[in-house]
C-alpha atoms as a PDB file:
ATOM      1  CA  MET A   1     -12.159  21.427  -5.888  1.00  0.00           C
ATOM      2  CA  THR A   2     -11.652  19.947  -9.322  1.00  0.00           C
ATOM      3  CA  GLY A   3     -13.093  16.743 -10.707  1.00  0.00           C
ATOM      4  CA  LEU A   4      -9.662  15.094 -10.623  1.00  0.00           C
ATOM      5  CA  GLN A   5      -9.332  15.824  -6.912  1.00  0.00           C
ATOM      6  CA  VAL A   6     -12.763  14.349  -6.202  1.00  0.00           C
ATOM      7  CA  VAL A   7     -11.941  11.203  -8.177  1.00  0.00           C
ATOM      8  CA  CYS A   8      -8.621  10.856  -6.339  1.00  0.00           C
ATOM      9  CA  LEU A   9     -10.355  11.219  -2.976  1.00  0.00           C
ATOM     10  CA  LEU A  10     -12.862   8.523  -3.927  1.00  0.00           C
ATOM     11  CA  VAL A  11     -10.109   6.164  -5.121  1.00  0.00           C
ATOM     12  CA  VAL A  12      -8.190   6.652  -1.857  1.00  0.00           C
ATOM     13  CA  ALA A  13     -11.351   6.045   0.172  1.00  0.00           C
ATOM     14  CA  VAL A  14     -12.107   2.807  -1.699  1.00  0.00           C
ATOM     15  CA  ALA A  15      -8.481   1.623  -1.506  1.00  0.00           C
ATOM     16  CA  GLY A  16      -8.304   2.370   2.224  1.00  0.00           C
ATOM     17  CA  THR A  17     -11.499   0.438   2.808  1.00  0.00           C
ATOM     18  CA  ALA A  18     -10.099  -2.481   0.785  1.00  0.00           C
ATOM     19  CA  VAL A  19      -6.961  -2.548   2.949  1.00  0.00           C
ATOM     20  CA  VAL A  20      -9.022  -2.675   6.131  1.00  0.00           C
ATOM     21  CA  LEU A  21     -11.439  -5.332   4.891  1.00  0.00           C
ATOM     22  CA  THR A  22      -8.808  -7.644   3.381  1.00  0.00           C
ATOM     23  CA  ARG A  23      -7.771 -10.457   5.721  1.00  0.00           C
ATOM     24  CA  VAL A  24      -5.088 -12.285   3.708  1.00  0.00           C
ATOM     25  CA  PRO A  25      -1.710 -10.654   4.504  1.00  0.00           C
ATOM     26  CA  LEU A  26      -0.342 -10.886   0.942  1.00  0.00           C
ATOM     27  CA  ARG A  27      -3.445  -9.307  -0.565  1.00  0.00           C
ATOM     28  CA  GLN A  28      -3.499  -6.705   2.191  1.00  0.00           C
ATOM     29  CA  THR A  29       0.094  -5.776   1.341  1.00  0.00           C
ATOM     30  CA  LEU A  30      -0.775  -5.314  -2.311  1.00  0.00           C
ATOM     31  CA  ALA A  31      -3.876  -3.294  -1.398  1.00  0.00           C
ATOM     32  CA  SER A  32      -1.719  -1.134   0.875  1.00  0.00           C
ATOM     33  CA  ALA A  33       0.698  -0.481  -1.990  1.00  0.00           C
ATOM     34  CA  VAL A  34      -2.216   0.545  -4.230  1.00  0.00           C
ATOM     35  CA  LEU A  35      -3.443   2.853  -1.471  1.00  0.00           C
ATOM     36  CA  GLY A  36       0.020   4.419  -1.197  1.00  0.00           C
ATOM     37  CA  LEU A  37       0.200   5.045  -4.923  1.00  0.00           C
ATOM     38  CA  GLY A  38      -3.336   6.448  -4.869  1.00  0.00           C
ATOM     39  CA  LEU A  39      -2.301   8.831  -2.112  1.00  0.00           C
ATOM     40  CA  ALA A  40       0.687   9.899  -4.200  1.00  0.00           C
ATOM     41  CA  VAL A  41      -1.622  10.767  -7.100  1.00  0.00           C
ATOM     42  CA  LEU A  42      -3.887  12.607  -4.660  1.00  0.00           C
ATOM     43  CA  PHE A  43      -0.939  14.638  -3.394  1.00  0.00           C
ATOM     44  CA  LEU A  44      -0.021  15.503  -6.978  1.00  0.00           C
ATOM     45  CA  ALA A  45      -3.610  16.558  -7.681  1.00  0.00           C
ATOM     46  CA  PHE A  46      -3.501  18.888  -4.681  1.00  0.00           C
ATOM     47  CA  GLY A  47      -0.178  20.392  -5.769  1.00  0.00           C
ATOM     48  CA  ALA A  48       2.355  18.727  -3.452  1.00  0.00           C
ATOM     49  CA  PRO A  49       4.810  16.936  -5.748  1.00  0.00           C
ATOM     50  CA  ASP A  50       7.528  16.628  -3.092  1.00  0.00           C
ATOM     51  CA  VAL A  51       5.158  14.834  -0.731  1.00  0.00           C
ATOM     52  CA  ALA A  52       3.966  12.650  -3.615  1.00  0.00           C
ATOM     53  CA  LEU A  53       7.525  11.515  -4.377  1.00  0.00           C
ATOM     54  CA  SER A  54       8.094  10.633  -0.730  1.00  0.00           C
ATOM     55  CA  GLN A  55       4.792   8.751  -0.682  1.00  0.00           C
ATOM     56  CA  ILE A  56       5.757   6.720  -3.749  1.00  0.00           C
ATOM     57  CA  VAL A  57       9.076   5.692  -2.213  1.00  0.00           C
ATOM     58  CA  VAL A  58       7.764   4.866   1.250  1.00  0.00           C
ATOM     59  CA  ALA A  59       4.240   3.509   0.761  1.00  0.00           C
ATOM     60  CA  GLY A  60       4.530   2.323  -2.811  1.00  0.00           C
ATOM     61  CA  VAL A  61       7.909   0.573  -2.644  1.00  0.00           C
ATOM     62  CA  ALA A  62       9.645   0.347   0.745  1.00  0.00           C
ATOM     63  CA  LEU A  63       6.740  -0.717   2.957  1.00  0.00           C
ATOM     64  CA  PRO A  64       5.394  -3.461   0.651  1.00  0.00           C
ATOM     65  CA  VAL A  65       8.913  -4.867   0.146  1.00  0.00           C
ATOM     66  CA  MET A  66       9.513  -4.988   3.909  1.00  0.00           C
ATOM     67  CA  VAL A  67       6.169  -6.661   4.565  1.00  0.00           C
ATOM     68  CA  LEU A  68       6.685  -9.204   1.767  1.00  0.00           C
ATOM     69  CA  LEU A  69      10.150 -10.064   3.092  1.00  0.00           C
ATOM     70  CA  THR A  70       8.700 -10.484   6.577  1.00  0.00           C
ATOM     71  CA  LEU A  71       5.934 -12.750   5.290  1.00  0.00           C
ATOM     72  CA  ALA A  72       8.495 -14.837   3.398  1.00  0.00           C
ATOM     73  CA  LYS A  73      10.648 -15.196   6.531  1.00  0.00           C
ATOM     74  CA  ILE A  74       7.631 -16.210   8.623  1.00  0.00           C
ATOM     75  CA  HIS A  75       6.587 -18.718   5.975  1.00  0.00           C
ATOM     76  CA  ALA A  76      10.124 -20.161   5.832  1.00  0.00           C
ATOM     77  CA  GLY A  77      10.171 -20.424   9.638  1.00  0.00           C
ATOM     78  CA  ASP A  78       6.873 -22.317   9.575  1.00  0.00           C
ATOM     79  CA  ARG A  79       8.379 -24.802   7.100  1.00  0.00           C
ATOM     80  CA  GLU A  80      11.410 -25.353   9.334  1.00  0.00           C
ATOM     81  CA  ASP A  81       9.153 -25.974  12.346  1.00  0.00           C
ATOM     82  CA  GLN A  82       7.163 -28.567  10.401  1.00  0.00           C
ATOM     83  CA  ASP A  83      10.302 -30.311   9.108  1.00  0.00           C
ATOM     84  CA  GLY A  84      12.108 -30.340  12.438  1.00  0.00           C
END
């Protein structure tokens, strides 16, 4: 195992722990996106570029966008409930 692989494993471990320990949904979404991108780099370091590309699209872009849109809709619904 190379030094790059060890560093990538440590970064993924720290990012995963940050996702679990974060309680604010917006920050947790951003931490999850960082974790996804860290996993993509890890996959590249281990020689799986096709899996890394899929990881970037799904965990680095699609999932955070869906969660952010959901949070925005929930927040807008809360405003309507308070106004009405």
